[in-house]
Amino acid sequence: MLTPALTGFATAFALILAIGAQNAFVLRQGLMRAHVFWLCLLCAMSDAILITAGVLGFGALVTLYPTFPQIMAWGGAAFLVIYGAMRFRAAWQGAYDMQLAGQSAGLWPTLAAGAAFTWLNPHVYLDTLGLVGAVSTQYTNAMAKMAFGVGAVSASFVFFFSLGYGARLLAPVMQSARAWRVLDVLVGVVMWALAVKLLS
């Protein structure tokens, strides 16, 4: 059971590792040390649901509803454009008193944004329902398939909590408004680049 578990872990970890909108948002909250636990839990649990669905064979969703990816792409791109614009606006205004004080939006708005970054991203469905689900098909034994799924879900928990709590290591660098301005510009660029990629 160790081999399929490690395969699941490595597969999921490699897919999550790419810097995306969700990761950038978790990193930003981690730097502010605000709602980190609940945000990381939300992201990891969302991945767990999708990975489990993929391993159980629900990748056929796209086959049944071929317009699903396109609808998600438009919704996700709209959200990324708006959030990216918010980050550019914040960088332009340069008012970072809250960030320097380690404050952020409330818990529920933060979780709502985290959920949007997760569930409005069509790539998450490709990665979890599609790719992880496809790799799991090599295991026909139920126990091996379950071990693969557990390994993949574990990778998500390890990654998000490491990112969220590891971000505080960068805290000494983020002690100036200029550093936050640079971060927001970078986040804005990532968001808009991902939006273009979704629509292309």
N, C-alpha and C. Protein backbone atom coordinates (compact mmCIF):
# COMPACT_ATOMS: atom_id res chain seq x y z
N MET A 1 0.82 -1.21 0.00
CA MET A 1 0.00 0.00 0.00
C MET A 1 0.86 1.28 0.00
N LEU A 2 2.13 1.13 0.37
CA LEU A 2 3.00 2.31 0.45
C LEU A 2 3.26 2.92 -0.93
N THR A 3 3.47 2.05 -1.92
CA THR A 3 3.78 2.55 -3.27
C THR A 3 2.64 3.37 -3.86
N PRO A 4 1.39 2.86 -3.87
CA PRO A 4 0.31 3.69 -4.40
C PRO A 4 0.09 4.97 -3.59
N ALA A 5 0.31 4.91 -2.27
CA ALA A 5 0.14 6.11 -1.44
C ALA A 5 1.18 7.17 -1.82
N LEU A 6 2.43 6.75 -2.00
CA LEU A 6 3.48 7.68 -2.39
C LEU A 6 3.25 8.22 -3.80
N THR A 7 2.74 7.37 -4.68
CA THR A 7 2.43 7.81 -6.04
C THR A 7 1.34 8.87 -6.01
N GLY A 8 0.31 8.63 -5.20
CA GLY A 8 -0.77 9.60 -5.06
C GLY A 8 -0.26 10.92 -4.49
N PHE A 9 0.59 10.83 -3.48
CA PHE A 9 1.15 12.03 -2.85
C PHE A 9 1.96 12.83 -3.86
N ALA A 10 2.86 12.16 -4.58
CA ALA A 10 3.73 12.84 -5.54
C ALA A 10 2.93 13.44 -6.69
N THR A 11 1.93 12.71 -7.16
CA THR A 11 1.10 13.20 -8.28
C THR A 11 0.37 14.48 -7.89
N ALA A 12 -0.33 14.44 -6.76
CA ALA A 12 -1.11 15.60 -6.32
C ALA A 12 -0.20 16.77 -5.96
N PHE A 13 0.92 16.51 -5.30
CA PHE A 13 1.83 17.57 -4.87
C PHE A 13 2.39 18.31 -6.08
N ALA A 14 2.75 17.55 -7.12
CA ALA A 14 3.31 18.16 -8.33
C ALA A 14 2.28 19.07 -9.01
N LEU A 15 1.02 18.66 -8.99
CA LEU A 15 -0.03 19.46 -9.62
C LEU A 15 -0.34 20.73 -8.83
N ILE A 16 -0.31 20.62 -7.50
CA ILE A 16 -0.64 21.77 -6.65
C ILE A 16 0.49 22.78 -6.61
N LEU A 17 1.72 22.30 -6.81
CA LEU A 17 2.92 23.12 -6.60
C LEU A 17 2.97 24.36 -7.48
N ALA A 18 2.43 24.28 -8.70
CA ALA A 18 2.48 25.42 -9.61
C ALA A 18 1.80 26.63 -8.97
N ILE A 19 2.46 27.79 -9.10
CA ILE A 19 1.90 29.00 -8.51
C ILE A 19 0.64 29.40 -9.26
N GLY A 20 -0.45 29.41 -8.55
CA GLY A 20 -1.73 29.78 -9.14
C GLY A 20 -2.42 30.81 -8.28
N ALA A 21 -3.64 31.15 -8.66
CA ALA A 21 -4.39 32.16 -7.93
C ALA A 21 -4.63 31.74 -6.48
N GLN A 22 -5.01 30.48 -6.30
CA GLN A 22 -5.29 29.98 -4.96
C GLN A 22 -4.05 30.04 -4.08
N ASN A 23 -2.92 29.60 -4.62
CA ASN A 23 -1.68 29.59 -3.85
C ASN A 23 -1.24 31.01 -3.49
N ALA A 24 -1.40 31.94 -4.44
CA ALA A 24 -1.02 33.33 -4.18
C ALA A 24 -1.87 33.92 -3.07
N PHE A 25 -3.15 33.56 -3.06
CA PHE A 25 -4.06 34.08 -2.03
C PHE A 25 -3.69 33.52 -0.65
N VAL A 26 -3.41 32.23 -0.60
CA VAL A 26 -3.01 31.60 0.68
C VAL A 26 -1.70 32.21 1.18
N LEU A 27 -0.77 32.44 0.25
CA LEU A 27 0.51 33.05 0.62
C LEU A 27 0.29 34.45 1.21
N ARG A 28 -0.56 35.22 0.58
CA ARG A 28 -0.82 36.59 1.05
C ARG A 28 -1.44 36.58 2.45
N GLN A 29 -2.40 35.68 2.67
CA GLN A 29 -3.01 35.59 4.01
C GLN A 29 -2.00 35.09 5.03
N GLY A 30 -1.13 34.18 4.59
CA GLY A 30 -0.09 33.68 5.49
C GLY A 30 0.86 34.78 5.93
N LEU A 31 1.18 35.68 5.00
CA LEU A 31 2.05 36.80 5.33
C LEU A 31 1.41 37.72 6.35
N MET A 32 0.08 37.85 6.29
CA MET A 32 -0.63 38.69 7.25
C MET A 32 -0.96 37.93 8.53
N ARG A 33 -0.74 36.59 8.48
CA ARG A 33 -1.05 35.72 9.63
C ARG A 33 -2.51 35.87 10.03
N ALA A 34 -3.38 35.92 9.02
CA ALA A 34 -4.81 36.15 9.28
C ALA A 34 -5.64 35.00 8.71
N HIS A 35 -6.40 34.34 9.57
CA HIS A 35 -7.31 33.26 9.18
C HIS A 35 -6.59 32.12 8.44
N VAL A 36 -5.33 31.92 8.75
CA VAL A 36 -4.51 30.95 8.01
C VAL A 36 -5.04 29.53 8.17
N PHE A 37 -5.34 29.13 9.39
CA PHE A 37 -5.78 27.76 9.63
C PHE A 37 -7.05 27.44 8.85
N TRP A 38 -8.05 28.31 8.97
CA TRP A 38 -9.34 28.03 8.34
C TRP A 38 -9.25 28.09 6.82
N LEU A 39 -8.43 29.00 6.30
CA LEU A 39 -8.26 29.09 4.85
C LEU A 39 -7.55 27.85 4.31
N CYS A 40 -6.49 27.42 4.99
CA CYS A 40 -5.77 26.22 4.57
C CYS A 40 -6.67 24.99 4.66
N LEU A 41 -7.47 24.93 5.71
CA LEU A 41 -8.39 23.81 5.87
C LEU A 41 -9.42 23.79 4.74
N LEU A 42 -9.94 24.96 4.41
CA LEU A 42 -10.91 25.05 3.32
C LEU A 42 -10.31 24.57 2.00
N CYS A 43 -9.12 25.05 1.67
CA CYS A 43 -8.47 24.66 0.41
C CYS A 43 -8.17 23.16 0.38
N ALA A 44 -7.64 22.64 1.48
CA ALA A 44 -7.29 21.23 1.53
C ALA A 44 -8.54 20.35 1.48
N MET A 45 -9.59 20.73 2.20
CA MET A 45 -10.82 19.95 2.20
C MET A 45 -11.49 19.98 0.82
N SER A 46 -11.44 21.13 0.16
CA SER A 46 -11.99 21.23 -1.19
C SER A 46 -11.26 20.29 -2.14
N ASP A 47 -9.93 20.29 -2.04
CA ASP A 47 -9.13 19.38 -2.85
C ASP A 47 -9.46 17.93 -2.52
N ALA A 48 -9.65 17.65 -1.23
CA ALA A 48 -9.96 16.28 -0.80
C ALA A 48 -11.25 15.79 -1.45
N ILE A 49 -12.26 16.67 -1.48
CA ILE A 49 -13.55 16.30 -2.11
C ILE A 49 -13.36 16.01 -3.59
N LEU A 50 -12.62 16.89 -4.27
CA LEU A 50 -12.42 16.74 -5.71
C LEU A 50 -11.54 15.54 -6.04
N ILE A 51 -10.49 15.33 -5.26
CA ILE A 51 -9.60 14.19 -5.49
C ILE A 51 -10.37 12.88 -5.27
N THR A 52 -11.16 12.84 -4.20
CA THR A 52 -11.96 11.63 -3.93
C THR A 52 -12.91 11.36 -5.08
N ALA A 53 -13.54 12.43 -5.58
CA ALA A 53 -14.45 12.27 -6.72
C ALA A 53 -13.70 11.76 -7.94
N GLY A 54 -12.49 12.29 -8.17
CA GLY A 54 -11.70 11.85 -9.31
C GLY A 54 -11.29 10.40 -9.21
N VAL A 55 -10.86 9.99 -8.02
CA VAL A 55 -10.44 8.60 -7.81
C VAL A 55 -11.63 7.65 -7.94
N LEU A 56 -12.81 8.11 -7.54
CA LEU A 56 -14.01 7.27 -7.64
C LEU A 56 -14.58 7.22 -9.05
N GLY A 57 -13.99 8.01 -9.95
CA GLY A 57 -14.39 7.91 -11.35
C GLY A 57 -15.37 8.93 -11.85
N PHE A 58 -15.48 10.07 -11.16
CA PHE A 58 -16.42 11.08 -11.60
C PHE A 58 -15.85 12.02 -12.66
N GLY A 59 -14.70 11.62 -13.23
CA GLY A 59 -14.13 12.40 -14.31
C GLY A 59 -15.05 12.42 -15.51
N ALA A 60 -16.04 11.51 -15.52
CA ALA A 60 -17.00 11.45 -16.63
C ALA A 60 -17.92 12.66 -16.65
N LEU A 61 -17.83 13.51 -15.62
CA LEU A 61 -18.68 14.71 -15.54
C LEU A 61 -18.53 15.57 -16.80
N VAL A 62 -17.27 15.73 -17.22
CA VAL A 62 -17.01 16.56 -18.39
C VAL A 62 -17.59 15.93 -19.65
N THR A 63 -17.57 14.60 -19.70
CA THR A 63 -18.14 13.90 -20.85
C THR A 63 -19.65 14.09 -20.90
N LEU A 64 -20.27 14.05 -19.73
CA LEU A 64 -21.73 14.21 -19.66
C LEU A 64 -22.14 15.65 -19.93
N TYR A 65 -21.33 16.60 -19.46
CA TYR A 65 -21.65 18.03 -19.62
C TYR A 65 -20.46 18.73 -20.28
N PRO A 66 -20.35 18.63 -21.60
CA PRO A 66 -19.18 19.20 -22.30
C PRO A 66 -19.04 20.71 -22.18
N THR A 67 -20.13 21.42 -21.85
CA THR A 67 -20.03 22.88 -21.71
C THR A 67 -19.55 23.30 -20.32
N PHE A 68 -19.46 22.35 -19.39
CA PHE A 68 -19.07 22.65 -18.02
C PHE A 68 -17.72 23.37 -17.93
N PRO A 69 -16.66 22.88 -18.61
CA PRO A 69 -15.36 23.57 -18.52
C PRO A 69 -15.43 25.02 -19.03
N GLN A 70 -16.19 25.26 -20.11
CA GLN A 70 -16.27 26.60 -20.67
C GLN A 70 -16.98 27.57 -19.73
N ILE A 71 -18.06 27.08 -19.10
CA ILE A 71 -18.79 27.92 -18.14
C ILE A 71 -17.89 28.28 -16.96
N MET A 72 -17.16 27.30 -16.45
CA MET A 72 -16.26 27.54 -15.33
C MET A 72 -15.12 28.46 -15.74
N ALA A 73 -14.65 28.34 -16.99
CA ALA A 73 -13.56 29.18 -17.46
C ALA A 73 -13.97 30.65 -17.49
N TRP A 74 -15.17 30.94 -17.99
CA TRP A 74 -15.65 32.31 -18.03
C TRP A 74 -15.87 32.87 -16.62
N GLY A 75 -16.48 32.09 -15.76
CA GLY A 75 -16.70 32.53 -14.38
C GLY A 75 -15.39 32.76 -13.65
N GLY A 76 -14.46 31.83 -13.80
CA GLY A 76 -13.16 31.94 -13.15
C GLY A 76 -12.37 33.13 -13.67
N ALA A 77 -12.40 33.35 -14.99
CA ALA A 77 -11.65 34.46 -15.57
C ALA A 77 -12.20 35.80 -15.08
N ALA A 78 -13.52 35.91 -15.00
CA ALA A 78 -14.13 37.15 -14.52
C ALA A 78 -13.69 37.44 -13.08
N PHE A 79 -13.70 36.41 -12.25
CA PHE A 79 -13.29 36.57 -10.86
C PHE A 79 -11.82 36.99 -10.77
N LEU A 80 -10.95 36.36 -11.58
CA LEU A 80 -9.52 36.66 -11.55
C LEU A 80 -9.23 38.08 -12.03
N VAL A 81 -9.96 38.53 -13.04
CA VAL A 81 -9.78 39.89 -13.54
C VAL A 81 -10.15 40.91 -12.46
N ILE A 82 -11.26 40.67 -11.79
CA ILE A 82 -11.71 41.59 -10.73
C ILE A 82 -10.73 41.59 -9.56
N TYR A 83 -10.31 40.39 -9.11
CA TYR A 83 -9.39 40.33 -7.97
C TYR A 83 -8.04 40.94 -8.35
N GLY A 84 -7.57 40.67 -9.59
CA GLY A 84 -6.32 41.26 -10.03
C GLY A 84 -6.39 42.78 -10.04
N ALA A 85 -7.53 43.32 -10.50
CA ALA A 85 -7.72 44.77 -10.51
C ALA A 85 -7.69 45.33 -9.09
N MET A 86 -8.26 44.59 -8.15
CA MET A 86 -8.24 45.02 -6.75
C MET A 86 -6.82 45.10 -6.21
N ARG A 87 -5.98 44.14 -6.60
CA ARG A 87 -4.59 44.14 -6.15
C ARG A 87 -3.80 45.29 -6.79
N PHE A 88 -4.05 45.57 -8.08
CA PHE A 88 -3.38 46.70 -8.72
C PHE A 88 -3.82 48.02 -8.09
N ARG A 89 -5.10 48.10 -7.77
CA ARG A 89 -5.62 49.31 -7.13
C ARG A 89 -4.98 49.51 -5.75
N ALA A 90 -4.86 48.41 -5.00
CA ALA A 90 -4.23 48.49 -3.68
C ALA A 90 -2.77 48.94 -3.81
N ALA A 91 -2.07 48.42 -4.82
CA ALA A 91 -0.67 48.81 -5.03
C ALA A 91 -0.57 50.29 -5.40
N TRP A 92 -1.53 50.77 -6.19
CA TRP A 92 -1.54 52.17 -6.62
C TRP A 92 -1.80 53.09 -5.43
N GLN A 93 -2.75 52.70 -4.57
CA GLN A 93 -3.10 53.55 -3.43
C GLN A 93 -2.03 53.48 -2.34
N GLY A 94 -1.43 52.31 -2.17
CA GLY A 94 -0.32 52.16 -1.23
C GLY A 94 -0.69 52.27 0.24
N ALA A 95 -1.95 52.09 0.58
CA ALA A 95 -2.38 52.17 1.98
C ALA A 95 -2.30 50.78 2.60
N TYR A 96 -1.20 50.50 3.28
CA TYR A 96 -0.96 49.15 3.80
C TYR A 96 -0.89 49.11 5.32
N ASP A 97 -1.59 50.03 5.97
CA ASP A 97 -1.58 50.05 7.43
C ASP A 97 -2.11 48.75 8.01
N MET A 98 -3.21 48.23 7.42
CA MET A 98 -3.79 46.98 7.93
C MET A 98 -2.83 45.81 7.75
N GLN A 99 -2.20 45.71 6.57
CA GLN A 99 -1.30 44.61 6.29
C GLN A 99 -0.09 44.64 7.22
N LEU A 100 0.45 45.84 7.42
CA LEU A 100 1.62 45.97 8.30
C LEU A 100 1.25 45.66 9.74
N ALA A 101 -0.02 45.83 10.07
CA ALA A 101 -0.50 45.50 11.42
C ALA A 101 -0.96 44.04 11.50
N GLY A 102 -0.85 43.32 10.39
CA GLY A 102 -1.24 41.92 10.38
C GLY A 102 -2.74 41.72 10.35
N GLN A 103 -3.48 42.68 9.79
CA GLN A 103 -4.94 42.57 9.74
C GLN A 103 -5.38 42.32 8.30
N SER A 104 -6.55 41.71 8.15
CA SER A 104 -7.09 41.46 6.81
C SER A 104 -8.60 41.55 6.87
N ALA A 105 -9.24 41.18 5.79
CA ALA A 105 -10.70 41.12 5.78
C ALA A 105 -11.15 40.09 6.82
N GLY A 106 -12.44 40.09 7.13
CA GLY A 106 -12.97 39.15 8.13
C GLY A 106 -12.86 37.70 7.67
N LEU A 107 -13.18 36.80 8.58
CA LEU A 107 -13.05 35.37 8.29
C LEU A 107 -13.92 34.94 7.12
N TRP A 108 -15.21 35.32 7.15
CA TRP A 108 -16.12 34.83 6.11
C TRP A 108 -15.79 35.39 4.73
N PRO A 109 -15.48 36.69 4.59
CA PRO A 109 -15.05 37.16 3.27
C PRO A 109 -13.78 36.47 2.78
N THR A 110 -12.86 36.17 3.71
CA THR A 110 -11.62 35.48 3.34
C THR A 110 -11.92 34.08 2.85
N LEU A 111 -12.80 33.37 3.56
CA LEU A 111 -13.16 32.01 3.15
C LEU A 111 -13.94 32.01 1.84
N ALA A 112 -14.77 33.04 1.64
CA ALA A 112 -15.53 33.14 0.39
C ALA A 112 -14.58 33.32 -0.78
N ALA A 113 -13.57 34.17 -0.60
CA ALA A 113 -12.58 34.37 -1.66
C ALA A 113 -11.79 33.09 -1.90
N GLY A 114 -11.41 32.39 -0.82
CA GLY A 114 -10.68 31.13 -0.97
C GLY A 114 -11.50 30.10 -1.70
N ALA A 115 -12.80 30.03 -1.41
CA ALA A 115 -13.68 29.08 -2.09
C ALA A 115 -13.81 29.43 -3.57
N ALA A 116 -13.88 30.73 -3.87
CA ALA A 116 -13.97 31.15 -5.27
C ALA A 116 -12.71 30.79 -6.03
N PHE A 117 -11.55 31.03 -5.43
CA PHE A 117 -10.29 30.68 -6.08
C PHE A 117 -10.21 29.18 -6.36
N THR A 118 -10.83 28.39 -5.51
CA THR A 118 -10.80 26.93 -5.67
C THR A 118 -11.84 26.45 -6.67
N TRP A 119 -13.10 26.77 -6.42
CA TRP A 119 -14.19 26.15 -7.17
C TRP A 119 -14.49 26.83 -8.50
N LEU A 120 -14.00 28.06 -8.71
CA LEU A 120 -14.20 28.73 -9.99
C LEU A 120 -13.01 28.54 -10.94
N ASN A 121 -12.08 27.71 -10.53
CA ASN A 121 -10.90 27.45 -11.35
C ASN A 121 -11.09 26.15 -12.13
N PRO A 122 -11.29 26.22 -13.44
CA PRO A 122 -11.52 24.99 -14.21
C PRO A 122 -10.34 24.03 -14.16
N HIS A 123 -9.13 24.58 -13.95
CA HIS A 123 -7.95 23.72 -13.92
C HIS A 123 -7.97 22.75 -12.73
N VAL A 124 -8.65 23.17 -11.66
CA VAL A 124 -8.71 22.28 -10.49
C VAL A 124 -9.49 21.01 -10.84
N TYR A 125 -10.47 21.15 -11.71
CA TYR A 125 -11.26 19.99 -12.14
C TYR A 125 -10.44 19.10 -13.07
N LEU A 126 -9.66 19.75 -13.94
CA LEU A 126 -8.79 18.98 -14.83
C LEU A 126 -7.75 18.20 -14.02
N ASP A 127 -7.17 18.89 -13.01
CA ASP A 127 -6.12 18.26 -12.20
C ASP A 127 -6.66 17.13 -11.33
N THR A 128 -7.79 17.39 -10.66
CA THR A 128 -8.28 16.41 -9.68
C THR A 128 -9.17 15.35 -10.32
N LEU A 129 -10.23 15.79 -10.98
CA LEU A 129 -11.14 14.83 -11.60
C LEU A 129 -10.48 14.13 -12.78
N GLY A 130 -9.66 14.91 -13.53
CA GLY A 130 -9.06 14.36 -14.74
C GLY A 130 -7.75 13.63 -14.49
N LEU A 131 -6.69 14.40 -14.17
CA LEU A 131 -5.35 13.81 -14.10
C LEU A 131 -5.17 12.85 -12.93
N VAL A 132 -5.53 13.31 -11.73
CA VAL A 132 -5.41 12.42 -10.56
C VAL A 132 -6.30 11.20 -10.74
N GLY A 133 -7.52 11.44 -11.23
CA GLY A 133 -8.43 10.32 -11.48
C GLY A 133 -7.87 9.35 -12.50
N ALA A 134 -7.23 9.89 -13.55
CA ALA A 134 -6.66 9.04 -14.59
C ALA A 134 -5.51 8.18 -14.06
N VAL A 135 -4.63 8.80 -13.26
CA VAL A 135 -3.50 8.05 -12.70
C VAL A 135 -3.99 6.95 -11.76
N SER A 136 -5.10 7.21 -11.06
CA SER A 136 -5.61 6.22 -10.10
C SER A 136 -6.17 4.98 -10.78
N THR A 137 -6.46 5.08 -12.09
CA THR A 137 -7.06 3.92 -12.78
C THR A 137 -6.08 2.77 -12.94
N GLN A 138 -4.78 3.02 -12.73
CA GLN A 138 -3.80 1.93 -12.83
C GLN A 138 -3.94 0.95 -11.66
N TYR A 139 -4.66 1.39 -10.62
CA TYR A 139 -4.86 0.52 -9.46
C TYR A 139 -6.27 -0.07 -9.50
N THR A 140 -6.33 -1.35 -9.77
CA THR A 140 -7.64 -2.02 -9.84
C THR A 140 -8.07 -2.56 -8.49
N ASN A 141 -7.08 -2.82 -7.63
CA ASN A 141 -7.38 -3.30 -6.28
C ASN A 141 -7.95 -2.15 -5.45
N ALA A 142 -9.06 -2.40 -4.75
CA ALA A 142 -9.75 -1.34 -4.00
C ALA A 142 -8.86 -0.72 -2.93
N MET A 143 -8.09 -1.55 -2.23
CA MET A 143 -7.22 -1.03 -1.16
C MET A 143 -6.10 -0.17 -1.74
N ALA A 144 -5.54 -0.59 -2.87
CA ALA A 144 -4.47 0.19 -3.51
C ALA A 144 -5.01 1.53 -4.01
N LYS A 145 -6.22 1.50 -4.57
CA LYS A 145 -6.84 2.73 -5.06
C LYS A 145 -7.12 3.68 -3.89
N MET A 146 -7.56 3.12 -2.76
CA MET A 146 -7.83 3.94 -1.59
C MET A 146 -6.52 4.54 -1.05
N ALA A 147 -5.45 3.75 -1.05
CA ALA A 147 -4.15 4.24 -0.59
C ALA A 147 -3.66 5.38 -1.48
N PHE A 148 -3.88 5.25 -2.79
CA PHE A 148 -3.51 6.31 -3.73
C PHE A 148 -4.29 7.60 -3.40
N GLY A 149 -5.59 7.45 -3.17
CA GLY A 149 -6.42 8.60 -2.85
C GLY A 149 -6.00 9.27 -1.55
N VAL A 150 -5.69 8.47 -0.54
CA VAL A 150 -5.25 9.01 0.76
C VAL A 150 -3.94 9.77 0.58
N GLY A 151 -3.03 9.21 -0.22
CA GLY A 151 -1.76 9.87 -0.48
C GLY A 151 -1.95 11.20 -1.17
N ALA A 152 -2.85 11.24 -2.16
CA ALA A 152 -3.12 12.47 -2.91
C ALA A 152 -3.75 13.54 -2.01
N VAL A 153 -4.70 13.13 -1.19
CA VAL A 153 -5.35 14.07 -0.27
C VAL A 153 -4.34 14.60 0.75
N SER A 154 -3.46 13.71 1.24
CA SER A 154 -2.43 14.13 2.21
C SER A 154 -1.53 15.20 1.62
N ALA A 155 -1.21 15.07 0.33
CA ALA A 155 -0.34 16.05 -0.33
C ALA A 155 -0.97 17.44 -0.27
N SER A 156 -2.27 17.50 -0.46
CA SER A 156 -2.97 18.78 -0.43
C SER A 156 -2.88 19.42 0.96
N PHE A 157 -3.12 18.63 1.99
CA PHE A 157 -3.04 19.15 3.36
C PHE A 157 -1.62 19.62 3.68
N VAL A 158 -0.63 18.81 3.32
CA VAL A 158 0.77 19.17 3.59
C VAL A 158 1.14 20.46 2.86
N PHE A 159 0.73 20.56 1.60
CA PHE A 159 1.11 21.74 0.80
C PHE A 159 0.49 23.02 1.34
N PHE A 160 -0.83 23.02 1.52
CA PHE A 160 -1.49 24.27 1.90
C PHE A 160 -1.10 24.74 3.30
N PHE A 161 -0.98 23.82 4.24
CA PHE A 161 -0.59 24.24 5.59
C PHE A 161 0.87 24.67 5.62
N SER A 162 1.71 24.04 4.81
CA SER A 162 3.11 24.47 4.73
C SER A 162 3.21 25.86 4.11
N LEU A 163 2.41 26.11 3.07
CA LEU A 163 2.42 27.41 2.41
C LEU A 163 1.89 28.49 3.33
N GLY A 164 0.74 28.22 3.96
CA GLY A 164 0.12 29.20 4.83
C GLY A 164 0.98 29.58 6.03
N TYR A 165 1.50 28.57 6.71
CA TYR A 165 2.29 28.84 7.91
C TYR A 165 3.75 29.12 7.59
N GLY A 166 4.22 28.61 6.44
CA GLY A 166 5.61 28.88 6.05
C GLY A 166 5.79 30.31 5.56
N ALA A 167 4.69 30.94 5.15
CA ALA A 167 4.76 32.32 4.65
C ALA A 167 5.31 33.27 5.70
N ARG A 168 5.11 32.95 6.98
CA ARG A 168 5.57 33.86 8.04
C ARG A 168 7.09 33.98 8.06
N LEU A 169 7.78 33.03 7.40
CA LEU A 169 9.24 33.13 7.31
C LEU A 169 9.64 34.34 6.47
N LEU A 170 8.73 34.78 5.60
CA LEU A 170 8.99 35.96 4.77
C LEU A 170 8.56 37.24 5.47
N ALA A 171 7.95 37.11 6.64
CA ALA A 171 7.42 38.28 7.35
C ALA A 171 8.45 39.40 7.55
N PRO A 172 9.71 39.08 7.90
CA PRO A 172 10.68 40.18 8.08
C PRO A 172 10.88 41.01 6.81
N VAL A 173 10.70 40.37 5.64
CA VAL A 173 10.86 41.09 4.38
C VAL A 173 9.67 42.01 4.11
N MET A 174 8.52 41.64 4.69
CA MET A 174 7.27 42.36 4.39
C MET A 174 6.94 43.41 5.44
N GLN A 175 7.96 44.11 5.92
CA GLN A 175 7.75 45.11 6.97
C GLN A 175 7.64 46.53 6.44
N SER A 176 7.49 46.65 5.11
CA SER A 176 7.35 47.98 4.53
C SER A 176 6.21 47.99 3.53
N ALA A 177 5.63 49.17 3.33
CA ALA A 177 4.54 49.32 2.36
C ALA A 177 5.05 49.00 0.95
N ARG A 178 6.31 49.31 0.68
CA ARG A 178 6.88 49.05 -0.64
C ARG A 178 6.88 47.55 -0.95
N ALA A 179 7.23 46.74 0.03
CA ALA A 179 7.25 45.28 -0.17
C ALA A 179 5.85 44.76 -0.47
N TRP A 180 4.85 45.28 0.24
CA TRP A 180 3.47 44.87 0.00
C TRP A 180 2.99 45.33 -1.37
N ARG A 181 3.46 46.52 -1.78
CA ARG A 181 3.08 47.04 -3.10
C ARG A 181 3.63 46.11 -4.20
N VAL A 182 4.89 45.70 -4.05
CA VAL A 182 5.50 44.78 -5.02
C VAL A 182 4.75 43.46 -5.06
N LEU A 183 4.40 42.94 -3.87
CA LEU A 183 3.66 41.67 -3.80
C LEU A 183 2.31 41.80 -4.50
N ASP A 184 1.60 42.89 -4.25
CA ASP A 184 0.28 43.07 -4.86
C ASP A 184 0.37 43.19 -6.38
N VAL A 185 1.40 43.87 -6.87
CA VAL A 185 1.59 43.96 -8.32
C VAL A 185 1.84 42.57 -8.91
N LEU A 186 2.69 41.79 -8.24
CA LEU A 186 2.98 40.43 -8.71
C LEU A 186 1.72 39.56 -8.69
N VAL A 187 0.95 39.66 -7.60
CA VAL A 187 -0.30 38.89 -7.50
C VAL A 187 -1.26 39.32 -8.60
N GLY A 188 -1.37 40.63 -8.85
CA GLY A 188 -2.24 41.12 -9.91
C GLY A 188 -1.84 40.59 -11.27
N VAL A 189 -0.54 40.57 -11.54
CA VAL A 189 -0.04 40.04 -12.81
C VAL A 189 -0.38 38.56 -12.95
N VAL A 190 -0.18 37.80 -11.86
CA VAL A 190 -0.51 36.36 -11.89
C VAL A 190 -1.99 36.16 -12.17
N MET A 191 -2.84 36.94 -11.50
CA MET A 191 -4.29 36.79 -11.68
C MET A 191 -4.71 37.07 -13.12
N TRP A 192 -4.20 38.16 -13.68
CA TRP A 192 -4.59 38.52 -15.05
C TRP A 192 -4.01 37.54 -16.06
N ALA A 193 -2.79 37.06 -15.82
CA ALA A 193 -2.19 36.09 -16.73
C ALA A 193 -3.00 34.80 -16.72
N LEU A 194 -3.46 34.38 -15.54
CA LEU A 194 -4.27 33.17 -15.44
C LEU A 194 -5.63 33.36 -16.11
N ALA A 195 -6.18 34.57 -15.99
CA ALA A 195 -7.46 34.86 -16.64
C ALA A 195 -7.32 34.74 -18.16
N VAL A 196 -6.25 35.30 -18.72
CA VAL A 196 -6.00 35.20 -20.15
C VAL A 196 -5.82 33.74 -20.56
N LYS A 197 -5.10 33.00 -19.74
CA LYS A 197 -4.85 31.58 -20.03
C LYS A 197 -6.17 30.79 -20.03
N LEU A 198 -7.05 31.12 -19.11
CA LEU A 198 -8.34 30.42 -19.03
C LEU A 198 -9.17 30.64 -20.28
N LEU A 199 -9.08 31.84 -20.84
CA LEU A 199 -9.93 32.19 -21.98
C LEU A 199 -9.28 31.86 -23.31
N SER A 200 -8.00 31.52 -23.29
CA SER A 200 -7.32 31.23 -24.56
C SER A 200 -7.50 29.78 -24.98
